[in-house]
Protein backbone atom coordinates (compact mmCIF):
# COMPACT_ATOMS: atom_id res chain seq x y z
CA MET A 1 0.00 0.00 0.00
CA GLN A 2 2.63 2.50 1.05
CA ASP A 3 4.94 1.48 -1.78
CA SER A 4 2.33 2.26 -4.41
CA ILE A 5 1.69 5.68 -2.89
CA ILE A 6 5.43 6.43 -2.80
CA ASP A 7 5.77 5.28 -6.43
CA LYS A 8 2.96 7.62 -7.53
CA ILE A 9 4.55 10.56 -5.71
CA ASN A 10 7.94 9.76 -7.26
CA GLN A 11 6.44 9.56 -10.77
CA SER A 12 4.68 12.90 -10.32
CA GLN A 13 8.03 14.54 -9.42
CA GLU A 14 9.87 13.24 -12.52
CA LYS A 15 10.35 15.56 -15.47
CA LYS A 16 10.72 14.78 -19.16
CA ARG A 17 14.47 14.87 -19.93
CA PRO A 18 16.41 13.80 -23.03
CA ASP A 19 18.07 10.41 -23.00
CA PHE A 20 21.79 11.06 -22.65
CA ALA A 21 24.64 8.78 -21.71
CA VAL A 22 28.04 8.91 -20.03
CA GLY A 23 30.55 10.49 -22.42
CA ASP A 24 28.05 12.89 -24.02
CA LYS A 25 28.87 16.59 -24.13
CA VAL A 26 25.88 18.40 -22.67
CA SER A 27 24.73 21.93 -21.93
CA VAL A 28 22.76 22.17 -18.72
CA SER A 29 20.69 25.34 -18.24
CA VAL A 30 20.45 25.99 -14.51
CA ARG A 31 18.21 28.59 -12.89
CA LEU A 32 20.15 30.58 -10.25
CA LYS A 33 18.86 32.99 -7.63
CA GLU A 34 21.03 35.95 -6.79
CA GLY A 35 19.37 38.09 -4.19
CA ASP A 36 15.90 38.86 -5.50
CA LYS A 37 16.85 38.26 -9.15
CA GLU A 38 16.77 35.01 -11.07
CA ARG A 39 18.84 34.11 -14.12
CA VAL A 40 19.77 31.08 -16.22
CA GLN A 41 23.37 29.93 -16.43
CA ILE A 42 24.63 27.29 -18.87
CA PHE A 43 27.08 24.67 -17.66
CA ARG A 44 28.77 22.87 -20.60
CA GLY A 45 30.85 19.75 -20.16
CA VAL A 46 31.18 15.98 -20.42
CA VAL A 47 28.89 13.65 -18.49
CA VAL A 48 31.27 11.67 -16.26
CA VAL A 49 28.79 9.68 -14.13
CA LYS A 50 25.11 8.84 -13.98
CA HIS A 51 23.93 7.54 -10.64
CA PRO A 52 22.28 5.04 -10.61
CA LYS A 53 23.68 3.72 -13.89
CA SER A 54 20.21 3.64 -15.43
CA GLY A 55 19.68 7.31 -14.56
CA LYS A 56 16.10 6.57 -13.52
CA GLY A 57 14.19 7.36 -10.39
CA PRO A 58 13.51 10.53 -8.43
CA GLY A 59 16.94 10.60 -6.80
CA ALA A 60 18.91 10.10 -10.01
CA THR A 61 21.91 12.38 -10.51
CA PHE A 62 24.57 13.01 -13.12
CA THR A 63 27.96 14.66 -12.90
CA VAL A 64 29.26 17.06 -15.58
CA ARG A 65 32.95 17.95 -15.86
CA LYS A 66 34.42 20.94 -17.64
CA ILE A 67 37.78 22.72 -17.69
CA SER A 68 37.53 26.37 -16.68
CA ALA A 69 40.67 28.52 -16.79
CA GLY A 70 42.84 25.41 -16.67
CA VAL A 71 41.07 24.02 -13.61
CA GLY A 72 38.75 21.02 -13.74
CA VAL A 73 35.27 21.73 -12.39
CA GLU A 74 32.74 19.00 -11.69
CA ARG A 75 29.14 19.65 -10.81
CA ILE A 76 26.50 17.16 -9.71
CA PHE A 77 22.94 17.74 -10.92
CA PRO A 78 19.77 15.95 -9.90
CA ILE A 79 18.10 14.92 -13.16
CA HIS A 80 14.59 15.87 -12.05
CA SER A 81 15.51 19.11 -10.25
CA PRO A 82 13.08 22.00 -10.74
CA TYR A 83 16.11 24.31 -11.07
CA ILE A 84 17.23 22.67 -14.30
CA GLU A 85 15.57 24.44 -17.21
CA LYS A 86 16.77 22.08 -19.92
CA ILE A 87 19.48 19.63 -20.90
CA GLU A 88 20.82 19.79 -24.46
CA ILE A 89 23.06 17.11 -25.94
CA ASP A 90 25.83 18.78 -27.95
CA SER A 91 27.64 15.63 -29.11
CA SER A 92 28.11 11.99 -28.23
CA SER A 93 31.31 10.03 -27.67
CA ASP A 94 32.20 6.36 -27.89
CA VAL A 95 33.19 5.29 -24.38
CA ARG A 96 33.76 1.84 -22.94
CA ARG A 97 33.26 2.72 -19.29
CA SER A 98 30.24 3.65 -17.19
CA ARG A 99 32.24 6.10 -15.08
CA LEU A 100 34.86 8.36 -16.63
CA TYR A 101 36.88 9.20 -13.50
CA PHE A 102 40.11 8.72 -15.45
CA LEU A 103 39.47 12.11 -17.11
CA ARG A 104 40.43 13.79 -13.83
CA THR A 105 44.07 12.83 -14.27
CA LEU A 106 44.32 13.63 -18.01
CA THR A 107 44.97 17.06 -19.50
CA GLY A 108 45.07 18.58 -22.97
CA LYS A 109 44.65 16.34 -26.01
CA LYS A 110 44.77 13.18 -23.91
CA ALA A 111 41.52 14.18 -22.25
CA ARG A 112 39.59 14.19 -25.54
CA LEU A 113 36.99 11.52 -26.20
CA LYS A 114 36.39 9.87 -29.57
CA GLU A 115 33.30 11.29 -31.29
CA ALA A 116 30.52 8.81 -32.01
CA GLU A 117 28.96 8.57 -35.44
CA ARG A 118 25.31 9.38 -35.13
CA PHE A 119 22.72 7.53 -37.14
CA GLY A 120 21.33 10.80 -38.58
CA ASP A 121 24.78 11.87 -39.81
CA ALA A 122 25.23 8.57 -41.63
CA LEU A 123 21.85 8.96 -43.32
CA ALA A 124 22.66 12.51 -44.40
CA SER A 125 25.91 11.42 -46.04
CA ASP A 126 24.10 8.56 -47.84
CA ALA A 127 21.42 10.95 -49.15
CA THR A 128 23.87 13.15 -51.07
CA PRO A 129 23.61 12.60 -54.84
CA THR A 130 26.60 10.85 -56.34
CA SER A 131 25.79 10.36 -60.00
CA ALA A 132 25.01 12.92 -62.71
CA GLU A 133 21.49 11.55 -63.14
CA GLU A 134 20.58 12.39 -59.56
CA VAL A 135 22.00 15.90 -59.84
CA MET A 136 19.88 16.83 -62.91
CA THR A 137 17.31 19.54 -62.62
CA PRO A 138 13.67 18.69 -63.46
CA ALA A 139 13.90 20.74 -66.71
CA ALA A 140 16.98 18.81 -67.91
CA ALA A 141 15.31 15.53 -67.04
CA ALA A 142 12.24 16.50 -69.08
CA GLU A 143 14.42 17.23 -72.15
CA GLU A 144 16.12 13.83 -71.89
CA ALA A 145 12.91 11.91 -71.42
CA PRO A 146 11.79 9.99 -74.54
CA LYS A 147 8.97 11.75 -76.39
CA LYS A 148 5.89 9.81 -77.50
């Protein structure tokens, strides 16, 4: 009885967020209060950890790491926080780990992750015309068509 009530409360607190993974470069728009004013600040970086690994549930969090003025900065965000305006995925990377703590010790080019090929990018490259027939304008195609 109590479990079903708790589950309903938890589901009502969850927000619709994009499906992102560890290794993705994201931009997190966070609402900040400074005195009586409120503003939105964007935190851009690489997702290092999702906790729990599935990233589901009301208490789910994710950690984003960026380099600011040569210093590594990590920030932990609750996924369903009301202070997060939106999460945008800038790019994805191919990673073989579920937690990228090794990035803390790397600097410069060594800290880069290999970009993942997205399915949409592959389709766009396949859709480009390759032969002269596909490049023809409709008027040129009408001139070449056999006349009856």
